[in-house]
């Protein structure tokens, strides 16, 4: 019989990690509001970056900047998404009706 490992159940590695050994994890037992705040921070940073890019004149941009921008946006939005998933699981269920 396989017993679940309490550490791997509690600490969920972020999917954006590029190594075999997770360095960045989400504490699934943290206060859901703290998790939501972390998600909000990342999604807001991605949104602000997109707004900045929308307002910039791309004549001054270098093509080599595009992969850097995409990578930053991916990390921010993916981490924010995963944090939202954990917070959603932790928040109490409400009955509609």
PDB file of N, CA and C in Angstrom:
ATOM      1  N   UNK A   1       0.848  -1.192   0.000  1.00  0.00           N
ATOM      2  CA  UNK A   1       0.000   0.000   0.000  1.00  0.00           C
ATOM      3  C   UNK A   1       0.886   1.245   0.000  1.00  0.00           C
ATOM      4  N   UNK A   2       0.608   2.148  -0.897  1.00  0.00           N
ATOM      5  CA  UNK A   2       1.364   3.395  -0.991  1.00  0.00           C
ATOM      6  C   UNK A   2       0.755   4.444  -0.086  1.00  0.00           C
ATOM      7  N   UNK A   3       1.578   4.955   0.819  1.00  0.00           N
ATOM      8  CA  UNK A   3       1.131   6.048   1.681  1.00  0.00           C
ATOM      9  C   UNK A   3       1.545   7.358   1.048  1.00  0.00           C
ATOM     10  N   UNK A   4       0.632   8.331   1.008  1.00  0.00           N
ATOM     11  CA  UNK A   4       1.010   9.620   0.429  1.00  0.00           C
ATOM     12  C   UNK A   4       2.082  10.294   1.269  1.00  0.00           C
ATOM     13  N   UNK A   5       2.970  10.967   0.612  1.00  0.00           N
ATOM     14  CA  UNK A   5       4.032  11.708   1.287  1.00  0.00           C
ATOM     15  C   UNK A   5       3.471  13.065   1.693  1.00  0.00           C
ATOM     16  N   UNK A   6       3.390  13.348   3.019  1.00  0.00           N
ATOM     17  CA  UNK A   6       2.781  14.607   3.447  1.00  0.00           C
ATOM     18  C   UNK A   6       3.502  15.838   2.933  1.00  0.00           C
ATOM     19  N   UNK A   7       4.825  15.750   2.729  1.00  0.00           N
ATOM     20  CA  UNK A   7       5.547  16.918   2.224  1.00  0.00           C
ATOM     21  C   UNK A   7       5.197  17.208   0.773  1.00  0.00           C
ATOM     22  N   UNK A   8       5.107  16.168  -0.062  1.00  0.00           N
ATOM     23  CA  UNK A   8       4.776  16.421  -1.469  1.00  0.00           C
ATOM     24  C   UNK A   8       3.303  16.764  -1.630  1.00  0.00           C
ATOM     25  N   UNK A   9       2.455  16.335  -0.688  1.00  0.00           N
ATOM     26  CA  UNK A   9       1.047  16.727  -0.737  1.00  0.00           C
ATOM     27  C   UNK A   9       0.880  18.180  -0.326  1.00  0.00           C
ATOM     28  N   UNK A  10       1.688  18.619   0.635  1.00  0.00           N
ATOM     29  CA  UNK A  10       1.563  19.988   1.122  1.00  0.00           C
ATOM     30  C   UNK A  10       2.216  20.991   0.185  1.00  0.00           C
ATOM     31  N   UNK A  11       3.409  20.683  -0.313  1.00  0.00           N
ATOM     32  CA  UNK A  11       4.164  21.621  -1.124  1.00  0.00           C
ATOM     33  C   UNK A  11       4.088  21.218  -2.585  1.00  0.00           C
ATOM     34  N   UNK A  12       3.343  21.990  -3.368  1.00  0.00           N
ATOM     35  CA  UNK A  12       3.162  21.710  -4.791  1.00  0.00           C
ATOM     36  C   UNK A  12       4.193  22.495  -5.594  1.00  0.00           C
ATOM     37  N   UNK A  13       5.045  21.779  -6.340  1.00  0.00           N
ATOM     38  CA  UNK A  13       6.040  22.493  -7.152  1.00  0.00           C
ATOM     39  C   UNK A  13       5.377  23.276  -8.280  1.00  0.00           C
ATOM     40  N   UNK A  14       5.922  24.436  -8.569  1.00  0.00           N
ATOM     41  CA  UNK A  14       5.423  25.223  -9.692  1.00  0.00           C
ATOM     42  C   UNK A  14       5.825  24.554 -11.001  1.00  0.00           C
ATOM     43  N   UNK A  15       4.951  24.564 -11.969  1.00  0.00           N
ATOM     44  CA  UNK A  15       5.228  23.949 -13.269  1.00  0.00           C
ATOM     45  C   UNK A  15       6.272  24.713 -14.064  1.00  0.00           C
ATOM     46  N   UNK A  16       6.538  25.940 -13.676  1.00  0.00           N
ATOM     47  CA  UNK A  16       7.503  26.748 -14.407  1.00  0.00           C
ATOM     48  C   UNK A  16       8.936  26.416 -14.022  1.00  0.00           C
ATOM     49  N   UNK A  17       9.124  25.481 -13.113  1.00  0.00           N
ATOM     50  CA  UNK A  17      10.470  25.079 -12.701  1.00  0.00           C
ATOM     51  C   UNK A  17      11.133  24.293 -13.825  1.00  0.00           C
ATOM     52  N   UNK A  18      12.385  24.621 -14.110  1.00  0.00           N
ATOM     53  CA  UNK A  18      13.106  23.957 -15.194  1.00  0.00           C
ATOM     54  C   UNK A  18      14.026  22.847 -14.692  1.00  0.00           C
ATOM     55  N   UNK A  19      14.055  22.618 -13.392  1.00  0.00           N
ATOM     56  CA  UNK A  19      14.951  21.597 -12.867  1.00  0.00           C
ATOM     57  C   UNK A  19      14.162  20.375 -12.406  1.00  0.00           C
ATOM     58  N   UNK A  20      14.871  19.281 -12.221  1.00  0.00           N
ATOM     59  CA  UNK A  20      14.237  18.066 -11.732  1.00  0.00           C
ATOM     60  C   UNK A  20      13.876  18.175 -10.252  1.00  0.00           C
ATOM     61  N   UNK A  21      14.616  18.994  -9.536  1.00  0.00           N
ATOM     62  CA  UNK A  21      14.353  19.212  -8.118  1.00  0.00           C
ATOM     63  C   UNK A  21      13.641  20.548  -7.960  1.00  0.00           C
ATOM     64  N   UNK A  22      12.366  20.529  -7.532  1.00  0.00           N
ATOM     65  CA  UNK A  22      11.626  21.790  -7.408  1.00  0.00           C
ATOM     66  C   UNK A  22      12.258  22.724  -6.382  1.00  0.00           C
ATOM     67  N   UNK A  23      12.385  23.966  -6.766  1.00  0.00           N
ATOM     68  CA  UNK A  23      12.919  24.987  -5.877  1.00  0.00           C
ATOM     69  C   UNK A  23      11.794  25.896  -5.402  1.00  0.00           C
ATOM     70  N   UNK A  24      10.910  26.253  -6.305  1.00  0.00           N
ATOM     71  CA  UNK A  24       9.767  27.097  -5.973  1.00  0.00           C
ATOM     72  C   UNK A  24       8.527  26.225  -5.827  1.00  0.00           C
ATOM     73  N   UNK A  25       7.868  26.361  -4.677  1.00  0.00           N
ATOM     74  CA  UNK A  25       6.696  25.543  -4.397  1.00  0.00           C
ATOM     75  C   UNK A  25       5.582  26.412  -3.827  1.00  0.00           C
ATOM     76  N   UNK A  26       4.366  25.893  -3.869  1.00  0.00           N
ATOM     77  CA  UNK A  26       3.221  26.533  -3.237  1.00  0.00           C
ATOM     78  C   UNK A  26       2.892  25.735  -1.979  1.00  0.00           C
ATOM     79  N   UNK A  27       2.809  26.412  -0.857  1.00  0.00           N
ATOM     80  CA  UNK A  27       2.385  25.772   0.383  1.00  0.00           C
ATOM     81  C   UNK A  27       0.863  25.674   0.336  1.00  0.00           C
ATOM     82  N   UNK A  28       0.356  24.492   0.033  1.00  0.00           N
ATOM     83  CA  UNK A  28      -1.092  24.316  -0.141  1.00  0.00           C
ATOM     84  C   UNK A  28      -1.866  24.474   1.162  1.00  0.00           C
ATOM     85  N   UNK A  29      -1.159  24.516   2.290  1.00  0.00           N
ATOM     86  CA  UNK A  29      -1.826  24.702   3.574  1.00  0.00           C
ATOM     87  C   UNK A  29      -1.749  26.148   4.062  1.00  0.00           C
ATOM     88  N   UNK A  30      -1.183  27.029   3.249  1.00  0.00           N
ATOM     89  CA  UNK A  30      -1.126  28.451   3.615  1.00  0.00           C
ATOM     90  C   UNK A  30      -2.537  29.042   3.600  1.00  0.00           C
ATOM     91  N   UNK A  31      -2.686  30.159   4.248  1.00  0.00           N
ATOM     92  CA  UNK A  31      -3.964  30.867   4.266  1.00  0.00           C
ATOM     93  C   UNK A  31      -4.389  31.150   2.822  1.00  0.00           C
ATOM     94  N   UNK A  32      -5.599  30.744   2.428  1.00  0.00           N
ATOM     95  CA  UNK A  32      -6.045  30.962   1.051  1.00  0.00           C
ATOM     96  C   UNK A  32      -5.977  32.424   0.613  1.00  0.00           C
ATOM     97  N   UNK A  33      -6.187  33.340   1.545  1.00  0.00           N
ATOM     98  CA  UNK A  33      -6.120  34.759   1.191  1.00  0.00           C
ATOM     99  C   UNK A  33      -4.687  35.172   0.851  1.00  0.00           C
ATOM    100  N   UNK A  34      -3.710  34.590   1.533  1.00  0.00           N
ATOM    101  CA  UNK A  34      -2.306  34.852   1.210  1.00  0.00           C
ATOM    102  C   UNK A  34      -1.966  34.295  -0.175  1.00  0.00           C
ATOM    103  N   UNK A  35      -2.509  33.122  -0.479  1.00  0.00           N
ATOM    104  CA  UNK A  35      -2.286  32.519  -1.793  1.00  0.00           C
ATOM    105  C   UNK A  35      -2.918  33.391  -2.876  1.00  0.00           C
ATOM    106  N   UNK A  36      -4.126  33.884  -2.601  1.00  0.00           N
ATOM    107  CA  UNK A  36      -4.792  34.778  -3.558  1.00  0.00           C
ATOM    108  C   UNK A  36      -3.999  36.064  -3.759  1.00  0.00           C
ATOM    109  N   UNK A  37      -3.430  36.602  -2.684  1.00  0.00           N
ATOM    110  CA  UNK A  37      -2.607  37.810  -2.801  1.00  0.00           C
ATOM    111  C   UNK A  37      -1.390  37.564  -3.691  1.00  0.00           C
ATOM    112  N   UNK A  38      -0.759  36.400  -3.531  1.00  0.00           N
ATOM    113  CA  UNK A  38       0.405  36.067  -4.366  1.00  0.00           C
ATOM    114  C   UNK A  38      -0.009  35.923  -5.831  1.00  0.00           C
ATOM    115  N   UNK A  39      -1.163  35.300  -6.064  1.00  0.00           N
ATOM    116  CA  UNK A  39      -1.669  35.164  -7.437  1.00  0.00           C
ATOM    117  C   UNK A  39      -1.971  36.533  -8.030  1.00  0.00           C
ATOM    118  N   UNK A  40      -2.624  37.375  -7.248  1.00  0.00           N
ATOM    119  CA  UNK A  40      -2.969  38.721  -7.702  1.00  0.00           C
ATOM    120  C   UNK A  40      -1.715  39.512  -8.072  1.00  0.00           C
ATOM    121  N   UNK A  41      -0.686  39.403  -7.252  1.00  0.00           N
ATOM    122  CA  UNK A  41       0.562  40.127  -7.496  1.00  0.00           C
ATOM    123  C   UNK A  41       1.155  39.719  -8.846  1.00  0.00           C
ATOM    124  N   UNK A  42       1.183  38.430  -9.144  1.00  0.00           N
ATOM    125  CA  UNK A  42       1.765  37.954 -10.396  1.00  0.00           C
ATOM    126  C   UNK A  42       0.918  38.327 -11.607  1.00  0.00           C
ATOM    127  N   UNK A  43      -0.385  38.180 -11.482  1.00  0.00           N
ATOM    128  CA  UNK A  43      -1.266  38.506 -12.600  1.00  0.00           C
ATOM    129  C   UNK A  43      -1.266  40.010 -12.855  1.00  0.00           C
ATOM    130  N   UNK A  44      -1.221  40.813 -11.797  1.00  0.00           N
ATOM    131  CA  UNK A  44      -1.159  42.267 -11.946  1.00  0.00           C
ATOM    132  C   UNK A  44       0.149  42.668 -12.624  1.00  0.00           C
ATOM    133  N   UNK A  45       1.265  42.048 -12.258  1.00  0.00           N
ATOM    134  CA  UNK A  45       2.555  42.369 -12.884  1.00  0.00           C
ATOM    135  C   UNK A  45       2.520  42.028 -14.373  1.00  0.00           C
ATOM    136  N   UNK A  46       1.930  40.888 -14.727  1.00  0.00           N
ATOM    137  CA  UNK A  46       1.817  40.509 -16.147  1.00  0.00           C
ATOM    138  C   UNK A  46       0.924  41.497 -16.886  1.00  0.00           C
ATOM    139  N   UNK A  47      -0.167  41.888 -16.270  1.00  0.00           N
ATOM    140  CA  UNK A  47      -1.085  42.848 -16.884  1.00  0.00           C
ATOM    141  C   UNK A  47      -0.413  44.206 -17.084  1.00  0.00           C
ATOM    142  N   UNK A  48       0.330  44.639 -16.078  1.00  0.00           N
ATOM    143  CA  UNK A  48       1.044  45.920 -16.184  1.00  0.00           C
ATOM    144  C   UNK A  48       2.086  45.869 -17.296  1.00  0.00           C
ATOM    145  N   UNK A  49       2.785  44.745 -17.409  1.00  0.00           N
ATOM    146  CA  UNK A  49       3.776  44.599 -18.477  1.00  0.00           C
ATOM    147  C   UNK A  49       3.108  44.636 -19.844  1.00  0.00           C
ATOM    148  N   UNK A  50       1.982  43.951 -19.986  1.00  0.00           N
ATOM    149  CA  UNK A  50       1.260  43.979 -21.257  1.00  0.00           C
ATOM    150  C   UNK A  50       0.769  45.381 -21.586  1.00  0.00           C
ATOM    151  N   UNK A  51       0.297  46.103 -20.589  1.00  0.00           N
ATOM    152  CA  UNK A  51      -0.163  47.481 -20.817  1.00  0.00           C
ATOM    153  C   UNK A  51       0.997  48.373 -21.256  1.00  0.00           C
ATOM    154  N   UNK A  52       2.150  48.198 -20.624  1.00  0.00           N
ATOM    155  CA  UNK A  52       3.339  48.963 -21.010  1.00  0.00           C
ATOM    156  C   UNK A  52       3.717  48.666 -22.454  1.00  0.00           C
ATOM    157  N   UNK A  53       3.711  47.391 -22.811  1.00  0.00           N
ATOM    158  CA  UNK A  53       4.062  47.000 -24.180  1.00  0.00           C
ATOM    159  C   UNK A  53       3.064  47.565 -25.189  1.00  0.00           C
ATOM    160  N   UNK A  54       1.807  47.591 -24.819  1.00  0.00           N
ATOM    161  CA  UNK A  54       0.766  48.121 -25.691  1.00  0.00           C
ATOM    162  C   UNK A  54       1.000  49.611 -25.970  1.00  0.00           C
ATOM    163  N   UNK A  55       1.511  50.319 -24.982  1.00  0.00           N
ATOM    164  CA  UNK A  55       1.702  51.766 -25.106  1.00  0.00           C
ATOM    165  C   UNK A  55       3.043  52.156 -25.724  1.00  0.00           C
ATOM    166  N   UNK A  56       3.965  51.209 -25.824  1.00  0.00           N
ATOM    167  CA  UNK A  56       5.304  51.524 -26.333  1.00  0.00           C
ATOM    168  C   UNK A  56       5.328  51.645 -27.858  1.00  0.00           C
ATOM    169  N   UNK A  57       6.282  52.356 -28.310  1.00  0.00           N
ATOM    170  CA  UNK A  57       6.551  52.428 -29.737  1.00  0.00           C
ATOM    171  C   UNK A  57       7.496  51.282 -30.076  1.00  0.00           C
ATOM    172  N   UNK A  58       7.060  50.352 -30.892  1.00  0.00           N
ATOM    173  CA  UNK A  58       7.858  49.168 -31.189  1.00  0.00           C
ATOM    174  C   UNK A  58       8.997  49.439 -32.171  1.00  0.00           C
ATOM    175  N   UNK A  59       9.069  50.649 -32.693  1.00  0.00           N
ATOM    176  CA  UNK A  59      10.191  50.984 -33.563  1.00  0.00           C
ATOM    177  C   UNK A  59      11.499  50.981 -32.781  1.00  0.00           C
ATOM    178  N   UNK A  60      11.412  51.216 -31.479  1.00  0.00           N
ATOM    179  CA  UNK A  60      12.599  51.260 -30.629  1.00  0.00           C
ATOM    180  C   UNK A  60      12.937  49.889 -30.047  1.00  0.00           C
ATOM    181  N   UNK A  61      12.057  48.917 -30.197  1.00  0.00           N
ATOM    182  CA  UNK A  61      12.276  47.602 -29.601  1.00  0.00           C
ATOM    183  C   UNK A  61      13.235  46.771 -30.441  1.00  0.00           C
ATOM    184  N   UNK A  62      13.923  45.891 -29.771  1.00  0.00           N
ATOM    185  CA  UNK A  62      14.841  44.975 -30.428  1.00  0.00           C
ATOM    186  C   UNK A  62      14.167  43.605 -30.497  1.00  0.00           C
ATOM    187  N   UNK A  63      14.310  42.902 -31.600  1.00  0.00           N
ATOM    188  CA  UNK A  63      13.668  41.600 -31.768  1.00  0.00           C
ATOM    189  C   UNK A  63      14.128  40.598 -30.713  1.00  0.00           C
ATOM    190  N   UNK A  64      15.328  40.764 -30.207  1.00  0.00           N
ATOM    191  CA  UNK A  64      15.823  39.837 -29.181  1.00  0.00           C
ATOM    192  C   UNK A  64      15.104  40.015 -27.847  1.00  0.00           C
ATOM    193  N   UNK A  65      14.374  41.127 -27.682  1.00  0.00           N
ATOM    194  CA  UNK A  65      13.624  41.351 -26.447  1.00  0.00           C
ATOM    195  C   UNK A  65      12.366  40.495 -26.379  1.00  0.00           C
ATOM    196  N   UNK A  66      11.843  40.087 -27.506  1.00  0.00           N
ATOM    197  CA  UNK A  66      10.567  39.367 -27.533  1.00  0.00           C
ATOM    198  C   UNK A  66      10.603  38.070 -26.729  1.00  0.00           C
ATOM    199  N   UNK A  67      11.611  37.199 -26.891  1.00  0.00           N
ATOM    200  CA  UNK A  67      11.631  35.986 -26.060  1.00  0.00           C
ATOM    201  C   UNK A  67      11.721  36.283 -24.556  1.00  0.00           C
ATOM    202  N   UNK A  68      12.436  37.337 -24.202  1.00  0.00           N
ATOM    203  CA  UNK A  68      12.536  37.714 -22.785  1.00  0.00           C
ATOM    204  C   UNK A  68      11.181  38.154 -22.245  1.00  0.00           C
ATOM    205  N   UNK A  69      10.461  38.926 -23.031  1.00  0.00           N
ATOM    206  CA  UNK A  69       9.143  39.410 -22.620  1.00  0.00           C
ATOM    207  C   UNK A  69       8.170  38.248 -22.516  1.00  0.00           C
ATOM    208  N   UNK A  70       8.179  37.369 -23.501  1.00  0.00           N
ATOM    209  CA  UNK A  70       7.282  36.214 -23.492  1.00  0.00           C
ATOM    210  C   UNK A  70       7.581  35.316 -22.294  1.00  0.00           C
ATOM    211  N   UNK A  71       8.852  35.104 -21.995  1.00  0.00           N
ATOM    212  CA  UNK A  71       9.242  34.274 -20.854  1.00  0.00           C
ATOM    213  C   UNK A  71       8.739  34.875 -19.542  1.00  0.00           C
ATOM    214  N   UNK A  72       8.904  36.177 -19.384  1.00  0.00           N
ATOM    215  CA  UNK A  72       8.431  36.838 -18.164  1.00  0.00           C
ATOM    216  C   UNK A  72       6.920  36.740 -18.034  1.00  0.00           C
ATOM    217  N   UNK A  73       6.214  36.970 -19.127  1.00  0.00           N
ATOM    218  CA  UNK A  73       4.754  36.874 -19.098  1.00  0.00           C
ATOM    219  C   UNK A  73       4.296  35.451 -18.798  1.00  0.00           C
ATOM    220  N   UNK A  74       4.978  34.472 -19.379  1.00  0.00           N
ATOM    221  CA  UNK A  74       4.629  33.069 -19.121  1.00  0.00           C
ATOM    222  C   UNK A  74       4.810  32.731 -17.638  1.00  0.00           C
ATOM    223  N   UNK A  75       5.972  33.083 -17.086  1.00  0.00           N
ATOM    224  CA  UNK A  75       6.224  32.773 -15.678  1.00  0.00           C
ATOM    225  C   UNK A  75       5.185  33.421 -14.764  1.00  0.00           C
ATOM    226  N   UNK A  76       4.909  34.681 -14.995  1.00  0.00           N
ATOM    227  CA  UNK A  76       3.960  35.399 -14.149  1.00  0.00           C
ATOM    228  C   UNK A  76       2.552  34.827 -14.251  1.00  0.00           C
ATOM    229  N   UNK A  77       2.086  34.581 -15.468  1.00  0.00           N
ATOM    230  CA  UNK A  77       0.711  34.098 -15.624  1.00  0.00           C
ATOM    231  C   UNK A  77       0.566  32.637 -15.202  1.00  0.00           C
ATOM    232  N   UNK A  78       1.556  31.794 -15.492  1.00  0.00           N
ATOM    233  CA  UNK A  78       1.472  30.386 -15.094  1.00  0.00           C
ATOM    234  C   UNK A  78       1.521  30.254 -13.573  1.00  0.00           C
ATOM    235  N   UNK A  79       2.428  30.963 -12.930  1.00  0.00           N
ATOM    236  CA  UNK A  79       2.488  30.920 -11.471  1.00  0.00           C
ATOM    237  C   UNK A  79       1.187  31.451 -10.864  1.00  0.00           C
ATOM    238  N   UNK A  80       0.680  32.554 -11.407  1.00  0.00           N
ATOM    239  CA  UNK A  80      -0.585  33.108 -10.918  1.00  0.00           C
ATOM    240  C   UNK A  80      -1.728  32.126 -11.081  1.00  0.00           C
ATOM    241  N   UNK A  81      -1.768  31.441 -12.206  1.00  0.00           N
ATOM    242  CA  UNK A  81      -2.809  30.445 -12.463  1.00  0.00           C
ATOM    243  C   UNK A  81      -2.737  29.310 -11.452  1.00  0.00           C
ATOM    244  N   UNK A  82      -1.539  28.804 -11.209  1.00  0.00           N
ATOM    245  CA  UNK A  82      -1.389  27.710 -10.250  1.00  0.00           C
ATOM    246  C   UNK A  82      -1.764  28.145  -8.834  1.00  0.00           C
ATOM    247  N   UNK A  83      -1.399  29.361  -8.459  1.00  0.00           N
ATOM    248  CA  UNK A  83      -1.787  29.881  -7.153  1.00  0.00           C
ATOM    249  C   UNK A  83      -3.305  29.992  -7.042  1.00  0.00           C
ATOM    250  N   UNK A  84      -3.957  30.445  -8.104  1.00  0.00           N
ATOM    251  CA  UNK A  84      -5.424  30.525  -8.091  1.00  0.00           C
ATOM    252  C   UNK A  84      -6.057  29.150  -7.944  1.00  0.00           C
ATOM    253  N   UNK A  85      -5.486  28.140  -8.593  1.00  0.00           N
ATOM    254  CA  UNK A  85      -6.008  26.773  -8.472  1.00  0.00           C
ATOM    255  C   UNK A  85      -5.956  26.298  -7.022  1.00  0.00           C
ATOM    256  N   UNK A  86      -4.828  26.528  -6.359  1.00  0.00           N
ATOM    257  CA  UNK A  86      -4.672  26.102  -4.966  1.00  0.00           C
ATOM    258  C   UNK A  86      -5.637  26.872  -4.068  1.00  0.00           C
ATOM    259  N   UNK A  87      -5.732  28.179  -4.257  1.00  0.00           N
ATOM    260  CA  UNK A  87      -6.633  28.994  -3.437  1.00  0.00           C
ATOM    261  C   UNK A  87      -8.077  28.548  -3.632  1.00  0.00           C
ATOM    262  N   UNK A  88      -8.441  28.253  -4.849  1.00  0.00           N
ATOM    263  CA  UNK A  88      -9.814  27.814  -5.141  1.00  0.00           C
ATOM    264  C   UNK A  88     -10.132  26.513  -4.413  1.00  0.00           C
ATOM    265  N   UNK A  89      -9.166  25.607  -4.362  1.00  0.00           N
ATOM    266  CA  UNK A  89      -9.372  24.340  -3.661  1.00  0.00           C
ATOM    267  C   UNK A  89      -9.489  24.547  -2.154  1.00  0.00           C
ATOM    268  N   UNK A  90      -8.841  25.570  -1.631  1.00  0.00           N
ATOM    269  CA  UNK A  90      -8.798  25.797  -0.193  1.00  0.00           C
ATOM    270  C   UNK A  90      -9.987  26.598   0.334  1.00  0.00           C
ATOM    271  N   UNK A  91     -10.600  27.426  -0.526  1.00  0.00           N
ATOM    272  CA  UNK A  91     -11.703  28.261  -0.067  1.00  0.00           C
ATOM    273  C   UNK A  91     -12.941  27.397   0.194  1.00  0.00           C
ATOM    274  N   UNK A  92     -13.731  27.767   1.183  1.00  0.00           N
ATOM    275  CA  UNK A  92     -14.924  26.970   1.473  1.00  0.00           C
ATOM    276  C   UNK A  92     -15.909  26.988   0.308  1.00  0.00           C
ATOM    277  N   UNK A  93     -16.547  25.856   0.105  1.00  0.00           N
ATOM    278  CA  UNK A  93     -17.556  25.745  -0.944  1.00  0.00           C
ATOM    279  C   UNK A  93     -18.832  26.432  -0.481  1.00  0.00           C
ATOM    280  N   UNK A  94     -19.486  27.143  -1.406  1.00  0.00           N
ATOM    281  CA  UNK A  94     -20.757  27.781  -1.090  1.00  0.00           C
ATOM    282  C   UNK A  94     -21.847  27.148  -1.941  1.00  0.00           C
ATOM    283  N   UNK A  95     -23.013  27.031  -1.378  1.00  0.00           N
ATOM    284  CA  UNK A  95     -24.152  26.469  -2.103  1.00  0.00           C
ATOM    285  C   UNK A  95     -24.945  27.598  -2.723  1.00  0.00           C
ATOM    286  N   UNK A  96     -25.072  27.569  -4.046  1.00  0.00           N
ATOM    287  CA  UNK A  96     -25.861  28.593  -4.739  1.00  0.00           C
ATOM    288  C   UNK A  96     -27.318  28.131  -4.758  1.00  0.00           C
ATOM    289  N   UNK A  97     -28.196  29.048  -4.477  1.00  0.00           N
ATOM    290  CA  UNK A  97     -29.595  28.675  -4.601  1.00  0.00           C
ATOM    291  C   UNK A  97     -30.416  29.041  -3.484  1.00  0.00           C
TER     292      UNK A  97
END
